[in-house]
Amino acid sequence: MLPNRTKKPVDQLAQQFKLRSSGTVAVESFFIFFIGLLAFLGNLMVLIAVTKNARLRRKVPNVYIITLAVSDFLMPITGISFTFISVMLGKWSFNSIVCQFQGFCILLMCAVSLQSLALTAVNRYYRIARSQAEYQKIFTLKSTKIMISILWIIAIFAPLPYVVANQEFFFHPGKVFCTHNLESLLKGYGAFLVLFYVTVPLVVIVICYSKVFITIRHHNSVSVSRLRENSASSARLSVEEIDLTYTLFFVVLGFLVCWTPVLIIDMIDFVNKDWLLPRAAYFAYTCCGFGSTAVNPIIYGIRNRSFRKEYYNILTCGAQRSDNR
């Protein structure tokens, strides 16, 4: 045991990764493959659904769904695929350029996802808690597309400072993907990421959805009172809008469930100033992070009738449409 104490924690993780049993390799490979396949096919179905259904494309909230689907669809291609091969082989089998590519893309897609959720929360706040006239003035289809474009530009500045500073991503044998080195995290880059790309979006999400659900609760109580009084006046919020808001909230909830363990492990590493946790914890970290990209299509299918119908048409090769004709 004495030689292991003299090794760096990352070297110990590398040795453990290399010396896994065949059973462990099979189980870990299955999990990464399943997550990647589910994320790829699920988000592909979302993108096909909005491509085939013009009504889905024209709804402003669905623009955010499309943005999330794009980033979640790219994650299996640019990130999970390389991790899957590494898990099977027990080592990083690609060159440094591919490692830089994977590290950059993973950070970029994560930034896009969290900022998209924050922007969606702002959209729901204006639609539910503010006047309809104000909402329609700010959130036109054109302005929303401009916001999304700006969002991608801002997201690029998550990994960009790391690259500009001539820092290189390296293959983490515990997490099984290329990530930033420990030195950069301890010197302020980690604080930069957590503050601007995690904390700020999360604060926006919490504040916006808190006000949204307070408004919905008030709306429901007023609606009940009107029904008791046999009032004929129509409610300002439709059932469809409220249902959509809950669907998008479940998307946020799914993201937070997946990413809470990731943030906790990152904070522990930051306090320890090294990667001292067991390798199993880091593998779970990766499964949770990657798993968040596979959750959204399932939520849309369960909660949204339009997406559910398009899923069915895609899976049956349009049989339903043919029957209707």
Protein backbone atom coordinates (compact mmCIF):
# COMPACT_ATOMS: atom_id res chain seq x y z
CA MET A 1 0.00 0.00 0.00
CA LEU A 2 2.96 2.34 0.58
CA PRO A 3 3.72 2.95 -3.14
CA ASN A 4 0.13 4.04 -3.75
CA ARG A 5 0.50 6.77 -1.13
CA THR A 6 3.34 8.32 -3.07
CA LYS A 7 1.34 8.43 -6.29
CA LYS A 8 -0.74 11.40 -7.28
CA PRO A 9 -4.50 10.78 -6.93
CA VAL A 10 -4.98 11.11 -10.70
CA ASP A 11 -2.30 8.45 -11.27
CA GLN A 12 -4.07 6.13 -8.84
CA LEU A 13 -7.32 6.70 -10.74
CA ALA A 14 -5.54 5.89 -14.00
CA GLN A 15 -4.18 2.64 -12.58
CA GLN A 16 -7.60 1.64 -11.23
CA PHE A 17 -9.17 2.51 -14.59
CA LYS A 18 -6.67 0.33 -16.44
CA LEU A 19 -6.97 -2.64 -14.05
CA ARG A 20 -10.79 -2.92 -14.05
CA SER A 21 -12.34 -6.37 -14.23
CA SER A 22 -14.05 -7.45 -17.45
CA GLY A 23 -17.39 -7.29 -15.64
CA THR A 24 -16.80 -3.69 -14.58
CA VAL A 25 -15.78 -2.75 -18.13
CA ALA A 26 -18.96 -4.33 -19.50
CA VAL A 27 -21.23 -2.58 -16.99
CA GLU A 28 -19.61 0.85 -17.42
CA SER A 29 -19.57 0.51 -21.21
CA PHE A 30 -23.28 -0.37 -21.18
CA PHE A 31 -24.20 2.68 -19.10
CA ILE A 32 -22.25 5.12 -21.27
CA PHE A 33 -23.52 3.53 -24.50
CA PHE A 34 -27.13 3.53 -23.28
CA ILE A 35 -26.97 7.18 -22.18
CA GLY A 36 -25.32 8.22 -25.44
CA LEU A 37 -27.78 6.30 -27.61
CA LEU A 38 -30.79 7.64 -25.68
CA ALA A 39 -29.49 11.22 -25.92
CA PHE A 40 -28.71 10.91 -29.63
CA LEU A 41 -31.97 9.28 -30.72
CA GLY A 42 -34.19 11.22 -28.30
CA ASN A 43 -32.92 14.65 -29.30
CA LEU A 44 -32.84 13.62 -32.97
CA MET A 45 -36.56 12.87 -32.67
CA VAL A 46 -37.16 16.29 -31.12
CA LEU A 47 -35.34 18.00 -33.99
CA ILE A 48 -37.18 15.93 -36.61
CA ALA A 49 -40.49 16.71 -34.88
CA VAL A 50 -39.97 20.47 -35.04
CA THR A 51 -38.67 20.21 -38.61
CA LYS A 52 -41.78 18.36 -39.80
CA ASN A 53 -44.29 20.34 -37.73
CA ALA A 54 -44.29 24.05 -38.63
CA ARG A 55 -46.68 24.80 -35.76
CA LEU A 56 -44.11 23.61 -33.25
CA ARG A 57 -41.40 25.77 -34.84
CA ARG A 58 -43.51 28.92 -34.72
CA LYS A 59 -44.09 28.81 -30.96
CA VAL A 60 -41.58 30.99 -29.13
CA PRO A 61 -41.09 28.64 -26.11
CA ASN A 62 -40.28 25.81 -28.51
CA VAL A 63 -37.28 27.80 -29.81
CA TYR A 64 -35.69 27.20 -26.40
CA ILE A 65 -36.61 23.52 -26.62
CA ILE A 66 -34.90 23.38 -30.02
CA THR A 67 -31.78 25.05 -28.59
CA LEU A 68 -31.61 22.52 -25.77
CA ALA A 69 -32.16 19.68 -28.23
CA VAL A 70 -29.31 20.91 -30.45
CA SER A 71 -26.81 21.09 -27.57
CA ASP A 72 -27.99 17.77 -26.13
CA PHE A 73 -27.82 16.15 -29.59
CA LEU A 74 -24.25 17.36 -30.11
CA MET A 75 -23.08 16.04 -26.74
CA PRO A 76 -23.17 12.33 -27.76
CA ILE A 77 -21.29 13.19 -30.96
CA THR A 78 -18.61 15.47 -29.53
CA GLY A 79 -18.34 14.10 -26.00
CA ILE A 80 -20.00 10.80 -25.09
CA SER A 81 -18.72 8.87 -28.13
CA PHE A 82 -15.05 9.41 -27.15
CA THR A 83 -15.82 8.53 -23.54
CA PHE A 84 -17.53 5.29 -24.59
CA ILE A 85 -14.48 4.15 -26.56
CA SER A 86 -12.19 5.11 -23.67
CA VAL A 87 -14.34 3.17 -21.19
CA MET A 88 -14.13 0.06 -23.38
CA LEU A 89 -10.36 0.30 -23.95
CA GLY A 90 -9.35 1.52 -20.49
CA LYS A 91 -7.35 4.43 -21.86
CA TRP A 92 -7.52 7.55 -24.02
CA SER A 93 -6.80 6.26 -27.52
CA PHE A 94 -6.95 9.56 -29.38
CA ASN A 95 -4.43 12.36 -29.85
CA SER A 96 -4.23 15.63 -27.95
CA ILE A 97 -6.19 17.56 -30.60
CA VAL A 98 -9.21 15.31 -30.10
CA CYS A 99 -8.85 15.74 -26.33
CA GLN A 100 -8.89 19.54 -26.71
CA PHE A 101 -11.91 19.24 -28.98
CA GLN A 102 -13.86 17.08 -26.51
CA GLY A 103 -12.99 19.25 -23.51
CA PHE A 104 -13.98 22.44 -25.34
CA CYS A 105 -17.27 21.00 -26.63
CA ILE A 106 -18.37 19.54 -23.29
CA LEU A 107 -17.90 22.90 -21.56
CA LEU A 108 -19.65 24.72 -24.41
CA MET A 109 -22.69 22.42 -24.48
CA CYS A 110 -23.08 22.54 -20.70
CA ALA A 111 -22.99 26.36 -20.80
CA VAL A 112 -25.57 26.45 -23.60
CA SER A 113 -27.90 24.10 -21.73
CA LEU A 114 -27.89 25.99 -18.43
CA GLN A 115 -28.21 29.39 -20.08
CA SER A 116 -31.07 28.09 -22.24
CA LEU A 117 -32.89 26.98 -19.10
CA ALA A 118 -32.34 30.42 -17.54
CA LEU A 119 -33.63 32.19 -20.65
CA THR A 120 -36.63 29.86 -20.72
CA ALA A 121 -37.36 30.78 -17.10
CA VAL A 122 -37.29 34.48 -18.02
CA ASN A 123 -39.67 33.76 -20.91
CA ARG A 124 -42.10 31.97 -18.60
CA TYR A 125 -41.88 34.82 -16.07
CA TYR A 126 -42.89 37.41 -18.66
CA ARG A 127 -45.64 35.19 -20.07
CA ILE A 128 -47.16 34.21 -16.72
CA ALA A 129 -46.34 37.01 -14.28
CA ARG A 130 -46.39 40.06 -16.57
CA SER A 131 -48.94 41.40 -19.04
CA GLN A 132 -49.51 39.64 -22.35
CA ALA A 133 -48.81 42.87 -24.25
CA GLU A 134 -45.40 43.18 -22.59
CA TYR A 135 -44.62 39.53 -23.32
CA GLN A 136 -45.55 39.80 -27.00
CA LYS A 137 -43.49 42.96 -27.37
CA ILE A 138 -40.31 41.42 -25.96
CA PHE A 139 -40.58 37.79 -27.04
CA THR A 140 -41.25 37.84 -30.75
CA LEU A 141 -39.95 34.97 -32.86
CA LYS A 142 -37.27 37.26 -34.33
CA SER A 143 -36.09 38.65 -30.98
CA THR A 144 -36.01 35.15 -29.50
CA LYS A 145 -33.74 33.91 -32.27
CA ILE A 146 -31.45 36.89 -31.65
CA MET A 147 -31.38 36.04 -27.93
CA ILE A 148 -30.44 32.44 -28.75
CA SER A 149 -27.62 33.64 -31.03
CA ILE A 150 -26.27 35.87 -28.24
CA LEU A 151 -26.62 32.93 -25.83
CA TRP A 152 -24.31 30.77 -27.99
CA ILE A 153 -21.76 33.58 -28.22
CA ILE A 154 -21.74 33.99 -24.44
CA ALA A 155 -21.48 30.23 -23.98
CA ILE A 156 -18.30 30.11 -26.09
CA PHE A 157 -16.63 32.28 -23.44
CA ALA A 158 -16.92 29.41 -20.95
CA PRO A 159 -14.08 27.33 -22.46
CA LEU A 160 -12.43 30.14 -24.46
CA PRO A 161 -10.43 31.81 -21.61
CA TYR A 162 -8.91 28.42 -20.80
CA VAL A 163 -7.75 27.95 -24.40
CA VAL A 164 -6.56 31.56 -24.79
CA ALA A 165 -4.43 31.14 -21.65
CA ASN A 166 -2.63 28.26 -23.43
CA GLN A 167 -4.00 25.73 -20.96
CA GLU A 168 -4.69 22.23 -22.26
CA PHE A 169 -7.52 19.88 -21.42
CA PHE A 170 -6.32 16.52 -20.17
CA PHE A 171 -7.91 13.07 -19.98
CA HIS A 172 -9.30 12.46 -16.48
CA PRO A 173 -9.22 8.67 -15.87
CA GLY A 174 -11.94 8.90 -13.21
CA LYS A 175 -14.39 11.03 -15.17
CA VAL A 176 -13.29 9.38 -18.43
CA PHE A 177 -13.36 12.56 -20.48
CA CYS A 178 -11.04 15.47 -21.18
CA THR A 179 -11.38 18.32 -18.70
CA HIS A 180 -9.47 21.32 -17.36
CA ASN A 181 -6.48 20.77 -15.11
CA LEU A 182 -6.58 21.23 -11.36
CA GLU A 183 -4.17 24.16 -11.36
CA SER A 184 -6.45 26.31 -13.51
CA LEU A 185 -9.43 25.60 -11.26
CA LEU A 186 -7.57 26.60 -8.13
CA LYS A 187 -6.24 29.80 -9.71
CA GLY A 188 -9.67 31.27 -10.43
CA TYR A 189 -10.96 29.66 -13.61
CA GLY A 190 -13.17 27.32 -11.59
CA ALA A 191 -14.64 30.27 -9.66
CA PHE A 192 -15.27 32.06 -12.98
CA LEU A 193 -17.21 29.07 -14.35
CA VAL A 194 -19.21 28.53 -11.18
CA LEU A 195 -20.11 32.21 -10.77
CA PHE A 196 -21.04 33.21 -14.33
CA TYR A 197 -22.16 29.92 -15.87
CA VAL A 198 -23.73 28.14 -12.90
CA THR A 199 -24.66 30.52 -10.07
CA VAL A 200 -26.12 33.37 -12.16
CA PRO A 201 -28.34 31.09 -14.31
CA LEU A 202 -29.51 29.16 -11.24
CA VAL A 203 -30.43 32.38 -9.40
CA VAL A 204 -32.38 33.56 -12.45
CA ILE A 205 -34.18 30.21 -12.66
CA VAL A 206 -35.12 30.18 -8.96
CA ILE A 207 -36.36 33.79 -8.92
CA CYS A 208 -38.34 33.52 -12.16
CA TYR A 209 -40.05 30.21 -11.41
CA SER A 210 -40.83 31.29 -7.84
CA LYS A 211 -42.72 34.30 -9.19
CA VAL A 212 -44.29 32.17 -11.92
CA PHE A 213 -45.74 29.63 -9.50
CA ILE A 214 -46.96 32.34 -7.12
CA THR A 215 -48.82 33.88 -10.07
CA ILE A 216 -50.24 30.51 -11.17
CA ARG A 217 -51.41 29.78 -7.63
CA HIS A 218 -53.15 33.16 -7.49
CA HIS A 219 -54.64 32.58 -10.95
CA ASN A 220 -56.04 29.21 -9.90
CA SER A 221 -57.61 30.61 -6.74
CA VAL A 222 -59.21 33.47 -8.70
CA SER A 223 -60.48 31.01 -11.33
CA VAL A 224 -62.12 28.88 -8.65
CA SER A 225 -63.78 31.97 -7.14
CA ARG A 226 -65.13 32.98 -10.54
CA LEU A 227 -66.54 29.53 -11.13
CA ARG A 228 -68.32 29.66 -7.78
CA GLU A 229 -69.76 33.04 -8.70
CA ASN A 230 -70.73 31.76 -12.18
CA SER A 231 -68.65 34.50 -13.75
CA ALA A 232 -68.46 34.40 -17.53
CA SER A 233 -65.18 36.33 -17.77
CA SER A 234 -62.31 34.41 -19.35
CA ALA A 235 -59.05 33.70 -17.52
CA ARG A 236 -55.90 35.51 -18.62
CA LEU A 237 -53.84 32.32 -18.57
CA SER A 238 -54.92 29.36 -20.66
CA VAL A 239 -54.61 25.76 -19.52
CA GLU A 240 -52.18 25.20 -22.39
CA GLU A 241 -49.84 27.98 -21.20
CA ILE A 242 -49.85 26.71 -17.63
CA ASP A 243 -49.25 23.14 -18.80
CA LEU A 244 -46.34 24.31 -20.98
CA THR A 245 -44.86 26.17 -18.02
CA TYR A 246 -45.00 23.04 -15.89
CA THR A 247 -43.39 21.02 -18.70
CA LEU A 248 -40.49 23.46 -18.97
CA PHE A 249 -40.17 23.48 -15.18
CA PHE A 250 -39.87 19.67 -15.22
CA VAL A 251 -37.06 20.10 -17.74
CA VAL A 252 -35.28 22.36 -15.25
CA LEU A 253 -35.99 19.90 -12.45
CA GLY A 254 -34.55 17.02 -14.49
CA PHE A 255 -31.43 19.06 -15.19
CA LEU A 256 -30.97 19.92 -11.52
CA VAL A 257 -31.47 16.30 -10.39
CA CYS A 258 -28.73 15.21 -12.79
CA TRP A 259 -26.35 18.08 -12.08
CA THR A 260 -26.62 18.37 -8.30
CA PRO A 261 -24.28 15.37 -7.73
CA VAL A 262 -21.87 16.87 -10.30
CA LEU A 263 -21.75 20.21 -8.48
CA ILE A 264 -21.33 18.52 -5.09
CA ILE A 265 -18.38 16.44 -6.31
CA ASP A 266 -16.80 19.50 -7.94
CA MET A 267 -17.12 21.44 -4.67
CA ILE A 268 -15.55 18.58 -2.70
CA ASP A 269 -12.63 18.47 -5.15
CA PHE A 270 -12.25 22.24 -4.89
CA VAL A 271 -12.10 22.05 -1.07
CA ASN A 272 -9.70 19.07 -1.18
CA LYS A 273 -7.63 20.80 -3.89
CA ASP A 274 -7.29 17.43 -5.59
CA TRP A 275 -9.26 14.47 -6.97
CA LEU A 276 -9.39 12.37 -3.81
CA LEU A 277 -12.78 10.67 -4.21
CA PRO A 278 -13.17 7.01 -5.29
CA ARG A 279 -13.20 6.30 -9.01
CA ALA A 280 -16.80 5.09 -8.76
CA ALA A 281 -17.84 8.57 -7.60
CA TYR A 282 -16.26 10.17 -10.66
CA PHE A 283 -17.86 7.63 -12.99
CA ALA A 284 -21.25 8.39 -11.41
CA TYR A 285 -20.41 12.08 -11.90
CA THR A 286 -20.00 11.47 -15.63
CA CYS A 287 -23.16 9.37 -15.93
CA CYS A 288 -25.19 12.11 -14.20
CA GLY A 289 -23.74 14.89 -16.36
CA PHE A 290 -24.18 13.01 -19.62
CA GLY A 291 -27.54 11.65 -18.47
CA SER A 292 -28.99 15.16 -18.35
CA THR A 293 -28.80 15.26 -22.16
CA ALA A 294 -31.12 12.25 -22.45
CA VAL A 295 -33.88 13.37 -20.07
CA ASN A 296 -35.57 16.20 -21.98
CA PRO A 297 -36.99 14.23 -24.94
CA ILE A 298 -38.65 11.86 -22.46
CA ILE A 299 -40.23 14.78 -20.58
CA TYR A 300 -41.56 16.29 -23.82
CA GLY A 301 -43.06 12.94 -24.83
CA ILE A 302 -44.79 12.49 -21.49
CA ARG A 303 -45.98 16.06 -20.98
CA ASN A 304 -46.62 17.47 -24.48
CA ARG A 305 -49.30 16.02 -26.75
CA SER A 306 -47.89 17.65 -29.92
CA PHE A 307 -44.43 16.18 -29.39
CA ARG A 308 -45.92 12.83 -28.40
CA LYS A 309 -47.92 12.74 -31.65
CA GLU A 310 -44.85 13.62 -33.73
CA TYR A 311 -42.82 10.94 -31.92
CA TYR A 312 -45.46 8.40 -32.86
CA ASN A 313 -45.46 9.52 -36.49
CA ILE A 314 -41.67 9.27 -36.65
CA LEU A 315 -41.55 5.83 -35.04
CA THR A 316 -44.33 4.50 -37.28
CA CYS A 317 -42.88 6.18 -40.39
CA GLY A 318 -45.91 8.40 -40.80
CA ALA A 319 -48.42 5.55 -40.66
CA GLN A 320 -50.85 7.68 -38.68
CA ARG A 321 -50.85 10.39 -41.36
CA SER A 322 -51.39 7.82 -44.08
CA ASP A 323 -54.36 6.38 -42.23
CA ASN A 324 -55.89 9.84 -41.82
CA ARG A 325 -55.71 10.35 -45.55
